Amino acid sequence: MKHALLAVIFCFSFGAAALDARPPLRVERTGAVAPGTPARYNASITLRYGNLTRPDRVLILAPGFLGGAGSLDRVARQLVDLDPDLAVWTVDRRSNLLEPQDRLRAASDAELHRIARDGLRALAPENVAFMKEWGLDVTLRDMRAAVLEARTLTPNVLLGGHSLGATLATLYAAYDFDGAPGWKDLTGLVLLDGTLGMNALPKLSAEQYQSGFTWNFLPVPGVRDLGRMPYVNYPNVFGPDRASRAAALARIAAKDPNGTCDANITRFPVTNLAAAMLQVEGIYSPMPMLAVTTGRATNVRESYNWAAVLLNGAAGFAARDPFNVRDSSKPVGWQQDERAPTNALDFVNRYWTPESDFAEWYFPTRLALDIAAAGFDTRGTPFEKTLRVWHAKGVRLPVLGVSAQNGLTTAASYEALRANLGSPVTVRALPGYAHLDVVTATSNEVARTIVGWAEPTTATASGE
């Protein structure tokens, strides 16, 4: 077993080194000006891969709910590896500037273990009250700053994203930017296991939007009460504390995957790699939107995952809860499934890099509310003036929709999008993939699908 694991590590390291030969260029430029926001946070941020000066086409990809640009690192590298004339720009939303990444960057091994155990203290809500203005309009205008810059390099600009990032790309196309429909900036949309209408939150009434509501037993504040929770923060589910702990644990696992994890971090003896993967592996994760498919824990006792049942109903009975070690003489370990889409070692190595983090620690609550309120068209609704989603029926763009078998979308999701946009939609399904596998998989199947679709799409748009 030890020799097999060493072989896996060697093969992974060799392949990853070739793919990771050049780091992305991180670019921060002026974004939308949001009321009350300090100027340093009014930023449009992209990580740029591939052809930086004279690309034939630029693909801008936005991450999903609670995701940072780092979540798109592998698929971005695969894309530019396949197409030397392509540039890929991944989006870090402005809220990523609130993260104390310098602390993680400079942390010693001892400090990483402390952060993985205790987390980093979250910013006080009153100190970031300006985030109440960071809704859909600000987010899309930050994205547009990148789109318009890309258009100075090439007329072939594609916009897309993963999960909620795909929702944002679709909303961009339907948005009215002071009289200019967003879709006219673009030559196509690339939607990776996400689409408009897929939002986890229910469609909101004007009263729910203003006063708040309850979702899956969690209280969600309305616009009137955003001072209390300007960013998503549920201590037992997700928030800056858990995000900092996850980043530190991923760094520890990347450095020493087979080392035994600090006993104060986990409930039972476990290796560093297993400690990291138990949080996100599909069979153990209570939330499908936060799941990858890599393998399974070894030497562990399992039972039903009641949190998964609570969140997902009967479907949650398939999830397992690893609650103790079987053989107390050795820790719980991790077995990579060679048939699985994602490699666990690759996942933890990419989770945190000097350029970006996999997660978005401070996701703006206002953005979640705005997306839930907007739908496909805000005309004739209470949100018409503040959320300018006016052009969905007029969108004239080719769309690529990629669906994960164990993810959040199906072919029917993209059929609904086709009906609401009136645009041609090409759908590709990924058997055996979980939601995050779409952007973390070792195989370049997703990248090949995008490149194969994008080349004729942009050629047609250019009149070639």
Protein backbone atom coordinates (compact mmCIF):
# COMPACT_ATOMS: atom_id res chain seq x y z
CA MET A 1 0.00 0.00 0.00
CA LYS A 2 2.82 2.40 0.91
CA HIS A 3 4.59 1.80 -2.42
CA ALA A 4 1.32 2.28 -4.33
CA LEU A 5 0.72 5.61 -2.59
CA LEU A 6 4.26 6.75 -3.37
CA ALA A 7 3.66 5.90 -7.04
CA VAL A 8 0.47 7.94 -7.03
CA ILE A 9 2.29 10.89 -5.45
CA PHE A 10 5.13 10.67 -8.02
CA CYS A 11 2.78 10.51 -11.02
CA PHE A 12 0.67 13.35 -9.66
CA SER A 13 3.73 15.51 -8.93
CA PHE A 14 5.19 15.00 -12.42
CA GLY A 15 1.91 15.82 -14.20
CA ALA A 16 1.12 18.77 -11.98
CA ALA A 17 4.60 20.26 -12.45
CA ALA A 18 4.12 20.37 -16.23
CA LEU A 19 0.69 21.98 -15.91
CA ASP A 20 1.84 24.47 -13.27
CA ALA A 21 4.99 25.66 -15.03
CA ARG A 22 3.91 29.32 -14.99
CA PRO A 23 1.89 31.08 -12.27
CA PRO A 24 -1.06 33.24 -13.30
CA LEU A 25 -0.77 37.01 -13.40
CA ARG A 26 -2.96 38.65 -10.75
CA VAL A 27 -4.40 41.97 -11.94
CA GLU A 28 -6.35 44.42 -9.79
CA ARG A 29 -7.98 47.33 -11.56
CA THR A 30 -10.66 49.86 -10.67
CA GLY A 31 -14.13 48.38 -10.48
CA ALA A 32 -17.53 49.84 -9.72
CA VAL A 33 -17.72 52.62 -7.14
CA ALA A 34 -20.00 51.39 -4.33
CA PRO A 35 -21.43 53.89 -1.81
CA GLY A 36 -19.49 54.02 1.45
CA THR A 37 -16.84 51.56 0.28
CA PRO A 38 -13.16 52.44 0.87
CA ALA A 39 -11.51 53.03 -2.50
CA ARG A 40 -9.12 50.06 -2.15
CA TYR A 41 -12.07 47.66 -2.23
CA ASN A 42 -13.67 49.12 -5.38
CA ALA A 43 -11.72 46.65 -7.46
CA SER A 44 -12.12 44.28 -10.38
CA ILE A 45 -9.71 41.37 -9.87
CA THR A 46 -8.68 38.66 -12.32
CA LEU A 47 -6.04 35.94 -12.42
CA ARG A 48 -4.78 35.62 -15.98
CA TYR A 49 -3.53 32.45 -17.66
CA GLY A 50 -2.15 31.72 -21.11
CA ASN A 51 -1.69 34.26 -23.88
CA LEU A 52 -1.47 37.59 -22.06
CA THR A 53 -0.79 39.98 -24.94
CA ARG A 54 -2.37 38.87 -28.24
CA PRO A 55 -4.97 36.17 -27.61
CA ASP A 56 -7.42 35.13 -30.30
CA ARG A 57 -10.09 34.80 -27.61
CA VAL A 58 -10.47 35.52 -23.90
CA LEU A 59 -12.62 33.37 -21.62
CA ILE A 60 -13.53 35.04 -18.32
CA LEU A 61 -14.69 32.57 -15.66
CA ALA A 62 -16.40 33.47 -12.36
CA PRO A 63 -16.30 31.13 -9.35
CA GLY A 64 -19.34 29.76 -7.57
CA PHE A 65 -21.03 30.48 -4.26
CA LEU A 66 -18.35 30.78 -1.54
CA GLY A 67 -15.67 30.23 -4.22
CA GLY A 68 -12.51 32.15 -5.01
CA ALA A 69 -10.54 32.31 -8.25
CA GLY A 70 -8.36 29.49 -6.93
CA SER A 71 -11.26 27.07 -7.40
CA LEU A 72 -10.84 27.50 -11.16
CA ASP A 73 -7.07 27.10 -11.26
CA ARG A 74 -6.88 23.57 -12.68
CA VAL A 75 -9.46 23.99 -15.43
CA ALA A 76 -7.92 27.34 -16.41
CA ARG A 77 -4.50 25.74 -16.79
CA GLN A 78 -5.94 22.85 -18.78
CA LEU A 79 -7.68 25.26 -21.14
CA VAL A 80 -4.60 27.29 -22.02
CA ASP A 81 -2.52 24.11 -22.24
CA LEU A 82 -4.86 22.92 -25.00
CA ASP A 83 -5.15 26.23 -26.84
CA PRO A 84 -2.08 28.51 -26.98
CA ASP A 85 -4.15 31.28 -28.58
CA LEU A 86 -6.57 31.39 -25.62
CA ALA A 87 -6.40 33.57 -22.52
CA VAL A 88 -8.38 32.56 -19.44
CA TRP A 89 -9.11 35.16 -16.77
CA THR A 90 -10.57 33.86 -13.53
CA VAL A 91 -12.47 36.27 -11.28
CA ASP A 92 -11.73 37.00 -7.65
CA ARG A 93 -14.68 39.01 -6.35
CA ARG A 94 -13.82 42.18 -4.43
CA SER A 95 -14.68 40.53 -1.11
CA ASN A 96 -11.52 38.41 -1.43
CA LEU A 97 -9.57 41.59 -0.60
CA LEU A 98 -10.93 41.34 2.96
CA GLU A 99 -9.12 38.04 3.57
CA PRO A 100 -5.85 38.14 5.60
CA GLN A 101 -4.02 35.96 3.10
CA ASP A 102 -0.66 37.35 4.22
CA ARG A 103 -1.17 35.49 7.51
CA LEU A 104 -1.45 32.17 5.68
CA ARG A 105 1.36 33.02 3.29
CA ALA A 106 3.83 33.74 6.12
CA ALA A 107 2.58 31.07 8.55
CA SER A 108 5.05 28.58 10.00
CA ASP A 109 4.02 24.94 10.35
CA ALA A 110 3.13 25.56 13.99
CA GLU A 111 1.01 28.59 13.06
CA LEU A 112 -0.77 26.64 10.32
CA HIS A 113 -1.71 23.99 12.87
CA ARG A 114 -3.00 26.71 15.21
CA ILE A 115 -5.11 28.26 12.43
CA ALA A 116 -6.44 24.84 11.37
CA ARG A 117 -7.48 24.27 14.99
CA ASP A 118 -8.79 27.69 16.03
CA GLY A 119 -9.34 29.64 12.81
CA LEU A 120 -8.70 33.34 12.27
CA ARG A 121 -11.01 35.87 13.83
CA ALA A 122 -13.63 37.17 11.43
CA LEU A 123 -14.04 40.87 10.74
CA ALA A 124 -16.68 42.50 12.91
CA PRO A 125 -19.88 43.15 10.88
CA GLU A 126 -19.89 46.81 11.89
CA ASN A 127 -16.42 47.24 10.40
CA VAL A 128 -17.53 46.04 6.97
CA ALA A 129 -21.04 47.50 6.94
CA PHE A 130 -20.25 48.92 3.48
CA MET A 131 -20.66 45.36 2.15
CA LYS A 132 -24.42 45.91 2.24
CA GLU A 133 -23.94 47.71 -1.09
CA TRP A 134 -22.07 44.80 -2.71
CA GLY A 135 -25.00 43.32 -4.57
CA LEU A 136 -25.69 42.23 -8.11
CA ASP A 137 -25.20 45.63 -9.75
CA VAL A 138 -21.76 46.16 -8.19
CA THR A 139 -20.67 42.58 -8.90
CA LEU A 140 -21.68 42.69 -12.56
CA ARG A 141 -20.06 46.09 -13.08
CA ASP A 142 -16.81 44.75 -11.57
CA MET A 143 -17.02 41.89 -14.07
CA ARG A 144 -17.74 44.32 -16.89
CA ALA A 145 -14.52 46.21 -16.17
CA ALA A 146 -12.67 42.97 -16.98
CA VAL A 147 -14.84 42.24 -20.03
CA LEU A 148 -14.25 45.68 -21.53
CA GLU A 149 -10.50 45.40 -20.94
CA ALA A 150 -10.49 41.99 -22.63
CA ARG A 151 -12.28 43.54 -25.62
CA THR A 152 -9.27 45.84 -26.16
CA LEU A 153 -7.25 42.68 -26.88
CA THR A 154 -9.77 40.75 -29.00
CA PRO A 155 -13.42 41.00 -30.04
CA ASN A 156 -13.84 37.34 -29.05
CA VAL A 157 -14.73 37.52 -25.36
CA LEU A 158 -16.57 34.62 -23.77
CA LEU A 159 -18.03 34.85 -20.28
CA GLY A 160 -18.78 31.92 -18.03
CA GLY A 161 -18.48 30.45 -14.61
CA HIS A 162 -18.97 27.52 -12.33
CA SER A 163 -22.14 27.09 -10.24
CA LEU A 164 -23.29 30.55 -9.10
CA GLY A 165 -20.58 31.98 -11.35
CA ALA A 166 -22.56 30.57 -14.28
CA THR A 167 -25.66 32.28 -12.89
CA LEU A 168 -23.79 35.57 -12.77
CA ALA A 169 -22.55 35.13 -16.35
CA THR A 170 -26.14 34.61 -17.53
CA LEU A 171 -27.35 37.63 -15.54
CA TYR A 172 -24.55 39.69 -17.10
CA ALA A 173 -25.84 38.82 -20.57
CA ALA A 174 -29.39 39.85 -19.57
CA TYR A 175 -28.34 42.99 -17.66
CA ASP A 176 -28.83 46.57 -18.76
CA PHE A 177 -25.66 48.60 -18.30
CA ASP A 178 -27.05 52.11 -18.64
CA GLY A 179 -28.72 51.31 -21.94
CA ALA A 180 -26.23 48.71 -23.18
CA PRO A 181 -27.39 45.07 -23.00
CA GLY A 182 -24.62 42.95 -21.49
CA TRP A 183 -24.84 40.23 -24.10
CA LYS A 184 -23.59 42.61 -26.77
CA ASP A 185 -20.17 42.65 -25.05
CA LEU A 186 -19.78 38.90 -25.57
CA THR A 187 -19.50 36.15 -28.17
CA GLY A 188 -20.78 33.28 -25.99
CA LEU A 189 -21.56 31.92 -22.52
CA VAL A 190 -19.86 28.95 -20.83
CA LEU A 191 -21.92 27.55 -17.95
CA LEU A 192 -20.28 24.88 -15.78
CA ASP A 193 -22.87 23.00 -13.69
CA GLY A 194 -24.80 26.19 -13.09
CA THR A 195 -27.44 28.34 -14.71
CA LEU A 196 -29.91 31.12 -14.02
CA GLY A 197 -32.88 29.80 -12.09
CA MET A 198 -30.73 27.27 -10.21
CA ASN A 199 -30.20 29.47 -7.13
CA ALA A 200 -30.33 27.54 -3.85
CA LEU A 201 -32.45 30.27 -2.26
CA PRO A 202 -36.15 30.50 -3.13
CA LYS A 203 -37.49 33.23 -5.42
CA LEU A 204 -38.03 36.14 -3.06
CA SER A 205 -41.01 38.39 -2.55
CA ALA A 206 -40.43 42.09 -1.93
CA GLU A 207 -41.18 41.56 1.77
CA GLN A 208 -38.73 38.65 2.11
CA TYR A 209 -36.09 40.68 0.30
CA GLN A 210 -36.50 43.56 2.72
CA SER A 211 -37.20 41.73 5.99
CA GLY A 212 -35.52 38.34 5.64
CA PHE A 213 -36.71 34.73 5.74
CA THR A 214 -35.70 31.25 6.90
CA TRP A 215 -33.93 28.83 4.56
CA ASN A 216 -33.24 25.22 5.59
CA PHE A 217 -33.61 26.25 9.24
CA LEU A 218 -31.08 29.07 8.79
CA PRO A 219 -32.16 32.71 9.30
CA VAL A 220 -31.33 34.90 6.30
CA PRO A 221 -31.44 38.68 6.93
CA GLY A 222 -33.17 41.01 4.50
CA VAL A 223 -31.76 44.24 3.10
CA ARG A 224 -33.01 46.19 6.13
CA ASP A 225 -30.89 44.05 8.45
CA LEU A 226 -27.68 43.56 6.48
CA GLY A 227 -25.73 45.43 9.14
CA ARG A 228 -26.15 42.33 11.32
CA MET A 229 -24.81 39.92 8.70
CA PRO A 230 -23.22 41.73 5.74
CA TYR A 231 -21.44 38.49 4.74
CA VAL A 232 -22.55 34.86 4.88
CA ASN A 233 -21.60 33.57 8.32
CA TYR A 234 -23.13 30.46 9.87
CA PRO A 235 -20.51 29.15 12.34
CA ASN A 236 -21.50 25.50 12.07
CA VAL A 237 -21.88 25.59 8.28
CA PHE A 238 -19.64 28.20 6.63
CA GLY A 239 -18.03 31.51 7.45
CA PRO A 240 -14.62 33.20 7.57
CA ASP A 241 -13.55 31.12 10.57
CA ARG A 242 -14.22 27.80 8.83
CA ALA A 243 -12.72 29.11 5.58
CA SER A 244 -9.44 30.03 7.28
CA ARG A 245 -9.29 26.65 9.01
CA ALA A 246 -9.89 24.85 5.70
CA ALA A 247 -7.13 26.79 3.94
CA ALA A 248 -4.64 26.06 6.72
CA LEU A 249 -5.57 22.36 6.81
CA ALA A 250 -5.17 22.12 3.03
CA ARG A 251 -1.67 23.60 3.28
CA ILE A 252 -0.77 21.12 6.01
CA ALA A 253 -2.13 18.21 3.95
CA ALA A 254 -0.24 19.37 0.85
CA LYS A 255 3.03 19.50 2.78
CA ASP A 256 2.62 16.23 4.69
CA PRO A 257 -0.34 14.16 3.46
CA ASN A 258 0.53 11.04 5.49
CA GLY A 259 1.38 12.83 8.74
CA THR A 260 -1.04 12.41 11.63
CA CYS A 261 -3.28 15.43 12.08
CA ASP A 262 -3.20 17.47 15.29
CA ALA A 263 -5.43 15.69 17.82
CA ASN A 264 -7.12 18.99 18.69
CA ILE A 265 -8.37 19.45 15.10
CA THR A 266 -10.24 16.17 14.58
CA ARG A 267 -12.49 13.88 16.63
CA PHE A 268 -10.23 10.84 16.18
CA PRO A 269 -6.72 10.02 14.86
CA VAL A 270 -6.54 10.78 11.15
CA THR A 271 -3.92 11.64 8.53
CA ASN A 272 -3.65 15.22 7.30
CA LEU A 273 -4.94 14.30 3.85
CA ALA A 274 -7.92 12.39 5.26
CA ALA A 275 -8.73 15.29 7.62
CA ALA A 276 -8.88 17.66 4.66
CA MET A 277 -10.85 15.38 2.34
CA LEU A 278 -13.46 14.30 4.89
CA GLN A 279 -14.81 17.86 4.65
CA VAL A 280 -15.52 17.77 0.92
CA GLU A 281 -15.63 14.19 -0.39
CA GLY A 282 -19.02 13.52 -1.97
CA ILE A 283 -19.96 10.54 0.18
CA TYR A 284 -19.28 12.50 3.38
CA SER A 285 -20.31 16.04 2.45
CA PRO A 286 -23.82 17.07 3.57
CA MET A 287 -23.96 19.67 0.77
CA PRO A 288 -23.70 18.56 -2.92
CA MET A 289 -22.50 22.01 -3.95
CA LEU A 290 -19.38 21.52 -1.79
CA ALA A 291 -18.41 18.05 -2.99
CA VAL A 292 -15.68 16.39 -5.04
CA THR A 293 -15.13 12.73 -5.93
CA THR A 294 -11.67 11.41 -5.04
CA GLY A 295 -11.92 8.27 -2.92
CA ARG A 296 -12.82 7.18 0.58
CA ALA A 297 -11.51 7.08 4.13
CA THR A 298 -9.85 3.89 5.35
CA ASN A 299 -9.87 2.37 8.84
CA VAL A 300 -13.03 4.30 9.76
CA ARG A 301 -16.41 3.56 11.29
CA GLU A 302 -19.32 5.20 9.48
CA SER A 303 -23.00 5.89 10.12
CA TYR A 304 -25.77 7.98 8.57
CA ASN A 305 -24.97 11.64 8.05
CA TRP A 306 -27.94 13.29 9.72
CA ALA A 307 -26.88 16.78 8.63
CA ALA A 308 -27.16 15.58 5.02
CA VAL A 309 -30.63 14.14 5.70
CA LEU A 310 -31.70 17.42 7.30
CA LEU A 311 -30.50 19.47 4.32
CA ASN A 312 -31.39 17.10 1.46
CA GLY A 313 -34.26 14.92 2.68
CA ALA A 314 -34.31 11.27 1.63
CA ALA A 315 -31.38 11.79 -0.76
CA GLY A 316 -29.22 12.60 2.25
CA PHE A 317 -29.34 8.97 3.45
CA ALA A 318 -26.65 8.16 0.87
CA ALA A 319 -24.14 10.36 2.72
CA ARG A 320 -22.02 8.88 5.48
CA ASP A 321 -20.69 10.27 8.75
CA PRO A 322 -17.21 8.98 9.70
CA PHE A 323 -17.47 8.94 13.48
CA ASN A 324 -14.50 6.90 14.77
CA VAL A 325 -11.42 4.85 13.95
CA ARG A 326 -11.70 1.06 13.50
CA ASP A 327 -8.19 0.04 14.53
CA SER A 328 -6.90 2.39 17.22
CA SER A 329 -3.28 1.42 16.52
CA LYS A 330 -3.26 3.53 13.35
CA PRO A 331 -5.02 6.68 12.09
CA VAL A 332 -7.83 6.94 9.59
CA GLY A 333 -6.25 7.26 6.16
CA TRP A 334 -7.31 8.14 2.64
CA GLN A 335 -7.58 5.82 -0.36
CA GLN A 336 -7.56 7.46 -3.77
CA ASP A 337 -9.98 5.84 -6.23
CA GLU A 338 -8.11 5.74 -9.53
CA ARG A 339 -11.44 5.94 -11.37
CA ALA A 340 -12.48 9.11 -9.54
CA PRO A 341 -12.47 12.39 -11.47
CA THR A 342 -10.46 14.41 -8.92
CA ASN A 343 -7.13 13.59 -7.31
CA ALA A 344 -7.08 14.30 -3.57
CA LEU A 345 -3.41 15.36 -3.53
CA ASP A 346 -3.94 17.70 -6.45
CA PHE A 347 -7.01 19.15 -4.75
CA VAL A 348 -5.23 20.07 -1.50
CA ASN A 349 -2.20 21.40 -3.40
CA ARG A 350 -4.40 23.82 -5.37
CA TYR A 351 -6.73 24.76 -2.52
CA TRP A 352 -4.44 27.57 -1.41
CA THR A 353 -1.77 29.22 -3.55
CA PRO A 354 0.09 32.53 -3.21
CA GLU A 355 -2.18 33.96 -5.92
CA SER A 356 -5.61 32.94 -4.63
CA ASP A 357 -7.71 30.77 -2.34
CA PHE A 358 -10.24 28.11 -3.30
CA ALA A 359 -12.87 29.74 -1.05
CA GLU A 360 -14.41 33.17 -0.72
CA TRP A 361 -14.36 33.84 3.00
CA TYR A 362 -16.64 36.89 2.97
CA PHE A 363 -19.44 36.23 0.48
CA PRO A 364 -21.75 39.30 0.42
CA THR A 365 -25.23 38.52 1.75
CA ARG A 366 -26.59 41.29 -0.46
CA LEU A 367 -25.41 39.47 -3.59
CA ALA A 368 -27.21 36.27 -2.55
CA LEU A 369 -30.42 38.27 -1.90
CA ASP A 370 -30.21 40.10 -5.23
CA ILE A 371 -29.74 36.92 -7.25
CA ALA A 372 -32.67 35.26 -5.48
CA ALA A 373 -34.85 38.30 -6.17
CA ALA A 374 -33.89 38.82 -9.82
CA GLY A 375 -34.90 35.68 -11.69
CA PHE A 376 -34.85 35.86 -15.49
CA ASP A 377 -36.48 39.28 -15.84
CA THR A 378 -37.16 42.04 -13.33
CA ARG A 379 -39.34 44.19 -15.56
CA GLY A 380 -42.75 44.69 -14.00
CA THR A 381 -41.47 43.56 -10.58
CA PRO A 382 -40.57 45.55 -7.43
CA PHE A 383 -36.90 45.04 -8.36
CA GLU A 384 -37.03 46.55 -11.86
CA LYS A 385 -35.16 49.77 -11.07
CA THR A 386 -32.46 48.40 -8.77
CA LEU A 387 -31.80 45.07 -10.52
CA ARG A 388 -31.72 45.81 -14.24
CA VAL A 389 -32.24 42.30 -15.59
CA TRP A 390 -34.18 43.47 -18.65
CA HIS A 391 -32.77 41.70 -21.72
CA ALA A 392 -33.05 37.93 -21.17
CA LYS A 393 -35.41 37.41 -24.11
CA GLY A 394 -33.15 39.47 -26.34
CA VAL A 395 -29.95 37.55 -25.65
CA ARG A 396 -28.49 36.30 -28.92
CA LEU A 397 -25.47 34.26 -27.88
CA PRO A 398 -24.46 30.62 -28.26
CA VAL A 399 -24.39 28.91 -24.85
CA LEU A 400 -22.44 25.87 -23.66
CA GLY A 401 -23.95 24.11 -20.63
CA VAL A 402 -21.93 21.42 -18.81
CA SER A 403 -23.82 19.21 -16.37
CA ALA A 404 -22.36 16.97 -13.62
CA GLN A 405 -24.23 13.72 -13.00
CA ASN A 406 -23.98 14.17 -9.21
CA GLY A 407 -24.00 17.95 -9.34
CA LEU A 408 -26.63 20.69 -9.45
CA THR A 409 -27.81 20.81 -13.08
CA THR A 410 -29.37 18.45 -15.60
CA ALA A 411 -30.20 18.68 -19.28
CA ALA A 412 -33.63 19.95 -18.18
CA SER A 413 -31.94 22.89 -16.39
CA TYR A 414 -30.41 24.04 -19.65
CA GLU A 415 -33.62 23.41 -21.59
CA ALA A 416 -35.34 25.83 -19.21
CA LEU A 417 -32.56 28.33 -19.89
CA ARG A 418 -33.02 27.90 -23.65
CA ALA A 419 -36.74 28.65 -23.27
CA ASN A 420 -36.10 31.80 -21.23
CA LEU A 421 -33.24 33.18 -23.33
CA GLY A 422 -34.22 32.08 -26.79
CA SER A 423 -30.54 31.29 -27.46
CA PRO A 424 -29.04 28.04 -28.78
CA VAL A 425 -27.72 25.89 -25.91
CA THR A 426 -25.28 23.02 -26.38
CA VAL A 427 -25.36 20.58 -23.44
CA ARG A 428 -22.62 18.18 -22.37
CA ALA A 429 -23.04 15.71 -19.48
CA LEU A 430 -20.27 14.39 -17.23
CA PRO A 431 -21.04 10.89 -15.88
CA GLY A 432 -19.78 10.23 -12.36
CA TYR A 433 -18.83 13.86 -11.65
CA ALA A 434 -19.79 15.74 -8.48
CA HIS A 435 -20.35 19.50 -8.54
CA LEU A 436 -16.76 20.57 -7.82
CA ASP A 437 -15.25 17.85 -10.03
CA VAL A 438 -16.24 19.96 -13.03
CA VAL A 439 -13.39 22.37 -12.23
CA THR A 440 -11.03 20.13 -10.22
CA ALA A 441 -10.93 16.91 -12.28
CA THR A 442 -7.58 15.47 -13.33
CA SER A 443 -8.91 14.75 -16.81
CA ASN A 444 -9.05 17.66 -19.25
CA GLU A 445 -12.45 16.53 -20.55
CA VAL A 446 -14.15 19.77 -19.52
CA ALA A 447 -11.39 21.87 -21.07
CA ARG A 448 -11.54 19.87 -24.31
CA THR A 449 -15.30 20.36 -24.41
CA ILE A 450 -14.96 24.12 -23.97
CA VAL A 451 -12.16 24.52 -26.52
CA GLY A 452 -13.93 22.32 -29.08
CA TRP A 453 -17.10 24.39 -28.69
CA ALA A 454 -15.44 27.81 -28.46
CA GLU A 455 -13.24 27.68 -31.57
CA PRO A 456 -16.06 27.50 -34.14
CA THR A 457 -18.22 29.80 -31.98
CA THR A 458 -15.70 32.64 -31.94
CA ALA A 459 -14.73 32.01 -35.57
CA THR A 460 -18.36 32.53 -36.57
CA ALA A 461 -18.62 35.67 -34.44
CA SER A 462 -15.46 37.05 -36.09
CA GLY A 463 -16.74 36.24 -39.55
CA GLU A 464 -13.85 33.86 -40.25
